[in-house]
């Protein structure tokens, strides 16, 4: 499987698909172990505990990586939206300034 990191605001689909497949494999393994324990194969109880622990650890790692991606995006974006909101007045002034420069360059 190839994991491609795509650009954009969303978490890359390839990473999400890969993570979902890992969860499915872990859940299938756990279900198989639980079925075996129900059938009386108690020797697999230790494997069941390990599978639950691995699944929980994988979930924590996925959440941590998602947090890391979010923090990286914020760092890349810089101070855009810092403080909880945009200064629309400053944005309007900047747009006006740029339009004035364009008008001046055009000779208006």
N, C-alpha and C. Protein backbone atom coordinates (compact mmCIF):
# COMPACT_ATOMS: atom_id res chain seq x y z
N UNK A 1 0.85 -1.17 0.00
CA UNK A 1 0.00 0.00 0.00
C UNK A 1 0.89 1.23 0.00
N UNK A 2 0.53 2.19 -0.82
CA UNK A 2 1.27 3.45 -0.90
C UNK A 2 0.48 4.52 -0.18
N UNK A 3 1.15 5.25 0.69
CA UNK A 3 0.52 6.36 1.39
C UNK A 3 1.02 7.63 0.75
N UNK A 4 0.09 8.41 0.22
CA UNK A 4 0.44 9.68 -0.38
C UNK A 4 -0.11 10.78 0.51
N UNK A 5 0.71 11.75 0.80
CA UNK A 5 0.26 12.88 1.59
C UNK A 5 -0.15 13.97 0.61
N UNK A 6 -1.44 14.23 0.56
CA UNK A 6 -1.97 15.21 -0.37
C UNK A 6 -2.09 16.55 0.31
N UNK A 7 -2.21 17.60 -0.49
CA UNK A 7 -2.35 18.94 0.07
C UNK A 7 -3.82 19.25 0.25
N UNK A 8 -4.11 20.21 1.10
CA UNK A 8 -5.48 20.63 1.32
C UNK A 8 -5.77 20.77 2.79
N UNK A 9 -7.01 21.15 3.09
CA UNK A 9 -7.40 21.38 4.47
C UNK A 9 -7.81 20.11 5.18
N UNK A 10 -8.18 19.09 4.43
CA UNK A 10 -8.65 17.86 5.05
C UNK A 10 -7.46 16.94 5.33
N UNK A 11 -7.69 15.99 6.25
CA UNK A 11 -6.68 14.98 6.49
C UNK A 11 -6.58 14.16 5.21
N UNK A 12 -5.37 13.87 4.73
CA UNK A 12 -5.24 13.13 3.48
C UNK A 12 -6.04 11.84 3.50
N UNK A 13 -6.78 11.60 2.42
CA UNK A 13 -7.65 10.42 2.35
C UNK A 13 -6.86 9.13 2.45
N UNK A 14 -5.66 9.10 1.85
CA UNK A 14 -4.86 7.88 1.90
C UNK A 14 -4.52 7.51 3.34
N UNK A 15 -4.21 8.50 4.14
CA UNK A 15 -3.87 8.23 5.54
C UNK A 15 -5.09 7.73 6.29
N UNK A 16 -6.25 8.36 6.06
CA UNK A 16 -7.47 7.92 6.72
C UNK A 16 -7.83 6.50 6.31
N UNK A 17 -7.73 6.20 5.02
CA UNK A 17 -8.06 4.86 4.55
C UNK A 17 -7.12 3.83 5.16
N UNK A 18 -5.84 4.15 5.21
CA UNK A 18 -4.86 3.24 5.80
C UNK A 18 -5.17 2.99 7.27
N UNK A 19 -5.49 4.06 7.99
CA UNK A 19 -5.81 3.94 9.41
C UNK A 19 -7.07 3.12 9.62
N UNK A 20 -8.08 3.35 8.79
CA UNK A 20 -9.31 2.58 8.90
C UNK A 20 -9.05 1.10 8.65
N UNK A 21 -8.19 0.79 7.68
CA UNK A 21 -7.86 -0.61 7.40
C UNK A 21 -7.15 -1.25 8.58
N UNK A 22 -6.24 -0.48 9.22
CA UNK A 22 -5.56 -1.01 10.41
C UNK A 22 -6.57 -1.33 11.51
N UNK A 23 -7.53 -0.43 11.74
CA UNK A 23 -8.55 -0.67 12.75
C UNK A 23 -9.38 -1.89 12.40
N UNK A 24 -9.74 -2.05 11.14
CA UNK A 24 -10.54 -3.20 10.73
C UNK A 24 -9.79 -4.51 10.98
N UNK A 25 -8.51 -4.53 10.65
CA UNK A 25 -7.70 -5.72 10.89
C UNK A 25 -7.64 -6.03 12.38
N UNK A 26 -7.41 -5.01 13.19
CA UNK A 26 -7.33 -5.21 14.64
C UNK A 26 -8.67 -5.69 15.20
N UNK A 27 -9.76 -5.12 14.74
CA UNK A 27 -11.09 -5.52 15.23
C UNK A 27 -11.39 -6.95 14.79
N UNK A 28 -11.04 -7.31 13.55
CA UNK A 28 -11.25 -8.68 13.09
C UNK A 28 -10.47 -9.67 13.94
N UNK A 29 -9.22 -9.34 14.22
CA UNK A 29 -8.39 -10.21 15.08
C UNK A 29 -9.03 -10.36 16.45
N UNK A 30 -9.47 -9.26 17.01
CA UNK A 30 -10.09 -9.30 18.33
C UNK A 30 -11.37 -10.12 18.31
N UNK A 31 -12.19 -9.95 17.29
CA UNK A 31 -13.42 -10.74 17.18
C UNK A 31 -13.11 -12.22 17.06
N UNK A 32 -12.07 -12.56 16.31
CA UNK A 32 -11.67 -13.97 16.19
C UNK A 32 -11.22 -14.54 17.53
N UNK A 33 -10.48 -13.78 18.27
CA UNK A 33 -10.01 -14.23 19.58
C UNK A 33 -11.19 -14.39 20.53
N UNK A 34 -12.11 -13.43 20.54
CA UNK A 34 -13.28 -13.53 21.41
C UNK A 34 -14.13 -14.76 21.07
N UNK A 35 -14.26 -15.03 19.79
CA UNK A 35 -15.03 -16.22 19.36
C UNK A 35 -14.35 -17.50 19.85
N UNK A 36 -13.02 -17.53 19.75
CA UNK A 36 -12.28 -18.70 20.21
C UNK A 36 -12.43 -18.86 21.72
N UNK A 37 -12.41 -17.76 22.46
CA UNK A 37 -12.59 -17.84 23.92
C UNK A 37 -13.98 -18.36 24.24
N UNK A 38 -15.00 -17.89 23.49
CA UNK A 38 -16.37 -18.39 23.70
C UNK A 38 -16.47 -19.89 23.43
N UNK A 39 -15.64 -20.38 22.50
CA UNK A 39 -15.64 -21.80 22.17
C UNK A 39 -14.84 -22.62 23.17
N UNK A 40 -14.31 -21.96 24.21
CA UNK A 40 -13.60 -22.68 25.25
C UNK A 40 -12.09 -22.64 25.14
N UNK A 41 -11.57 -21.96 24.19
CA UNK A 41 -10.11 -21.87 24.03
C UNK A 41 -9.60 -20.72 24.88
N UNK A 42 -9.58 -20.95 26.19
CA UNK A 42 -9.20 -19.90 27.14
C UNK A 42 -7.73 -19.52 27.06
N UNK A 43 -6.94 -20.35 26.38
CA UNK A 43 -5.52 -20.02 26.22
C UNK A 43 -5.33 -18.76 25.38
N UNK A 44 -6.35 -18.36 24.64
CA UNK A 44 -6.26 -17.16 23.81
C UNK A 44 -6.66 -15.89 24.56
N UNK A 45 -7.03 -16.02 25.83
CA UNK A 45 -7.42 -14.84 26.60
C UNK A 45 -6.28 -13.82 26.65
N UNK A 46 -5.05 -14.30 26.80
CA UNK A 46 -3.90 -13.40 26.83
C UNK A 46 -3.78 -12.65 25.50
N UNK A 47 -4.03 -13.36 24.39
CA UNK A 47 -3.99 -12.70 23.08
C UNK A 47 -5.09 -11.66 22.96
N UNK A 48 -6.25 -11.94 23.57
CA UNK A 48 -7.36 -10.99 23.55
C UNK A 48 -7.00 -9.72 24.30
N UNK A 49 -6.37 -9.87 25.45
CA UNK A 49 -5.96 -8.70 26.22
C UNK A 49 -4.95 -7.87 25.42
N UNK A 50 -4.03 -8.56 24.75
CA UNK A 50 -3.02 -7.87 23.96
C UNK A 50 -3.69 -7.14 22.78
N UNK A 51 -4.67 -7.78 22.14
CA UNK A 51 -5.35 -7.15 21.01
C UNK A 51 -6.11 -5.90 21.46
N UNK A 52 -6.77 -5.96 22.62
CA UNK A 52 -7.49 -4.79 23.13
C UNK A 52 -6.50 -3.67 23.45
N UNK A 53 -5.40 -4.03 24.07
CA UNK A 53 -4.38 -3.03 24.42
C UNK A 53 -3.79 -2.41 23.15
N UNK A 54 -3.51 -3.25 22.13
CA UNK A 54 -2.97 -2.73 20.87
C UNK A 54 -3.95 -1.81 20.17
N UNK A 55 -5.23 -2.19 20.20
CA UNK A 55 -6.25 -1.37 19.56
C UNK A 55 -6.37 -0.01 20.27
N UNK A 56 -6.34 -0.03 21.59
CA UNK A 56 -6.42 1.22 22.34
C UNK A 56 -5.19 2.09 22.07
N UNK A 57 -4.02 1.48 22.02
CA UNK A 57 -2.79 2.23 21.75
C UNK A 57 -2.81 2.82 20.35
N UNK A 58 -3.31 2.04 19.39
CA UNK A 58 -3.41 2.53 18.02
C UNK A 58 -4.34 3.74 17.96
N UNK A 59 -5.44 3.67 18.69
CA UNK A 59 -6.37 4.80 18.71
C UNK A 59 -5.73 6.04 19.28
N UNK A 60 -4.96 5.88 20.35
CA UNK A 60 -4.26 7.02 20.94
C UNK A 60 -3.25 7.62 19.96
N UNK A 61 -2.53 6.75 19.26
CA UNK A 61 -1.53 7.24 18.31
C UNK A 61 -2.18 7.98 17.15
N UNK A 62 -3.31 7.47 16.67
CA UNK A 62 -4.01 8.15 15.57
C UNK A 62 -4.47 9.54 16.02
N UNK A 63 -5.03 9.63 17.22
CA UNK A 63 -5.47 10.92 17.74
C UNK A 63 -4.30 11.88 17.92
N UNK A 64 -3.17 11.36 18.40
CA UNK A 64 -1.98 12.19 18.59
C UNK A 64 -1.46 12.70 17.25
N UNK A 65 -1.43 11.83 16.25
CA UNK A 65 -0.97 12.25 14.93
C UNK A 65 -1.92 13.27 14.32
N UNK A 66 -3.21 13.09 14.54
CA UNK A 66 -4.18 14.08 14.04
C UNK A 66 -3.92 15.44 14.69
N UNK A 67 -3.64 15.42 16.00
CA UNK A 67 -3.32 16.65 16.71
C UNK A 67 -2.03 17.27 16.16
N UNK A 68 -1.03 16.44 15.87
CA UNK A 68 0.22 16.94 15.30
C UNK A 68 -0.02 17.59 13.94
N UNK A 69 -0.86 16.98 13.12
CA UNK A 69 -1.18 17.54 11.80
C UNK A 69 -1.88 18.89 11.97
N UNK A 70 -2.82 18.96 12.90
CA UNK A 70 -3.54 20.22 13.13
C UNK A 70 -2.58 21.31 13.60
N UNK A 71 -1.67 20.97 14.50
CA UNK A 71 -0.70 21.96 14.98
C UNK A 71 0.22 22.42 13.86
N UNK A 72 0.63 21.49 13.00
CA UNK A 72 1.49 21.85 11.87
C UNK A 72 0.76 22.78 10.92
N UNK A 73 -0.51 22.50 10.65
CA UNK A 73 -1.29 23.38 9.78
C UNK A 73 -1.39 24.78 10.37
N UNK A 74 -1.58 24.87 11.68
CA UNK A 74 -1.67 26.18 12.33
C UNK A 74 -0.35 26.93 12.22
N UNK A 75 0.76 26.21 12.38
CA UNK A 75 2.07 26.86 12.25
C UNK A 75 2.30 27.34 10.84
N UNK A 76 1.90 26.53 9.87
CA UNK A 76 2.08 26.91 8.46
C UNK A 76 1.22 28.13 8.14
N UNK A 77 0.00 28.14 8.67
CA UNK A 77 -0.91 29.24 8.39
C UNK A 77 -0.44 30.54 9.05
N UNK A 78 0.40 30.41 10.05
CA UNK A 78 0.91 31.60 10.73
C UNK A 78 -0.15 32.19 11.63
N UNK A 79 -0.27 33.48 11.58
CA UNK A 79 -1.17 34.16 12.50
C UNK A 79 -2.55 34.40 11.91
N UNK A 80 -2.86 33.76 10.78
CA UNK A 80 -4.18 33.95 10.18
C UNK A 80 -5.23 33.45 11.15
N UNK A 81 -6.12 34.31 11.53
CA UNK A 81 -7.19 33.92 12.44
C UNK A 81 -6.76 33.82 13.89
N UNK A 82 -5.56 34.23 14.20
CA UNK A 82 -5.09 34.15 15.58
C UNK A 82 -5.97 35.03 16.47
N UNK A 83 -6.21 34.59 17.63
CA UNK A 83 -7.02 35.35 18.56
C UNK A 83 -8.51 35.08 18.39
N UNK A 84 -8.84 34.10 17.58
CA UNK A 84 -10.23 33.69 17.48
C UNK A 84 -11.04 34.39 16.41
N UNK A 85 -10.48 35.33 15.67
CA UNK A 85 -11.26 35.98 14.63
C UNK A 85 -10.40 36.78 13.69
N UNK A 86 -10.99 37.13 12.57
CA UNK A 86 -10.30 37.93 11.58
C UNK A 86 -10.66 39.40 11.78
N UNK A 87 -9.73 40.28 11.50
CA UNK A 87 -9.98 41.71 11.54
C UNK A 87 -10.49 42.13 10.17
N UNK A 88 -11.81 42.13 10.01
CA UNK A 88 -12.40 42.43 8.71
C UNK A 88 -12.17 43.88 8.30
N UNK A 89 -12.09 44.76 9.25
CA UNK A 89 -11.79 46.15 8.93
C UNK A 89 -10.42 46.29 8.32
N UNK A 90 -9.42 45.62 8.90
CA UNK A 90 -8.07 45.67 8.35
C UNK A 90 -8.02 45.01 6.98
N UNK A 91 -8.77 43.93 6.81
CA UNK A 91 -8.83 43.26 5.51
C UNK A 91 -9.44 44.18 4.46
N UNK A 92 -10.50 44.87 4.81
CA UNK A 92 -11.14 45.82 3.90
C UNK A 92 -10.16 46.93 3.52
N UNK A 93 -9.44 47.47 4.51
CA UNK A 93 -8.46 48.52 4.24
C UNK A 93 -7.36 48.02 3.30
N UNK A 94 -6.90 46.80 3.51
CA UNK A 94 -5.84 46.22 2.66
C UNK A 94 -6.35 46.04 1.23
N UNK A 95 -7.58 45.57 1.08
CA UNK A 95 -8.16 45.42 -0.26
C UNK A 95 -8.26 46.79 -0.94
N UNK A 96 -8.72 47.78 -0.21
CA UNK A 96 -8.80 49.14 -0.76
C UNK A 96 -7.44 49.67 -1.18
N UNK A 97 -6.43 49.43 -0.36
CA UNK A 97 -5.07 49.87 -0.68
C UNK A 97 -4.58 49.22 -1.96
N UNK A 98 -4.81 47.92 -2.08
CA UNK A 98 -4.36 47.21 -3.28
C UNK A 98 -5.11 47.66 -4.53
N UNK A 99 -6.41 47.91 -4.38
CA UNK A 99 -7.18 48.42 -5.53
C UNK A 99 -6.67 49.80 -5.94
N UNK A 100 -6.34 50.63 -4.97
CA UNK A 100 -5.80 51.95 -5.27
C UNK A 100 -4.48 51.83 -6.02
N UNK A 101 -3.64 50.90 -5.64
CA UNK A 101 -2.36 50.68 -6.34
C UNK A 101 -2.62 50.25 -7.79
N UNK A 102 -3.59 49.37 -7.98
CA UNK A 102 -3.91 48.92 -9.32
C UNK A 102 -4.45 50.07 -10.18
N UNK A 103 -5.32 50.89 -9.59
CA UNK A 103 -5.87 52.05 -10.32
C UNK A 103 -4.74 53.01 -10.71
N UNK A 104 -3.84 53.23 -9.77
CA UNK A 104 -2.72 54.14 -10.03
C UNK A 104 -1.84 53.58 -11.15
N UNK A 105 -1.57 52.29 -11.13
CA UNK A 105 -0.74 51.66 -12.16
C UNK A 105 -1.42 51.71 -13.53
N UNK A 106 -2.76 51.66 -13.54
CA UNK A 106 -3.52 51.71 -14.79
C UNK A 106 -3.63 53.15 -15.30
N UNK A 107 -3.42 54.10 -14.44
CA UNK A 107 -3.46 55.49 -14.83
C UNK A 107 -4.77 56.18 -14.50
N UNK A 108 -5.60 55.59 -13.66
CA UNK A 108 -6.89 56.20 -13.28
C UNK A 108 -6.73 57.19 -12.16
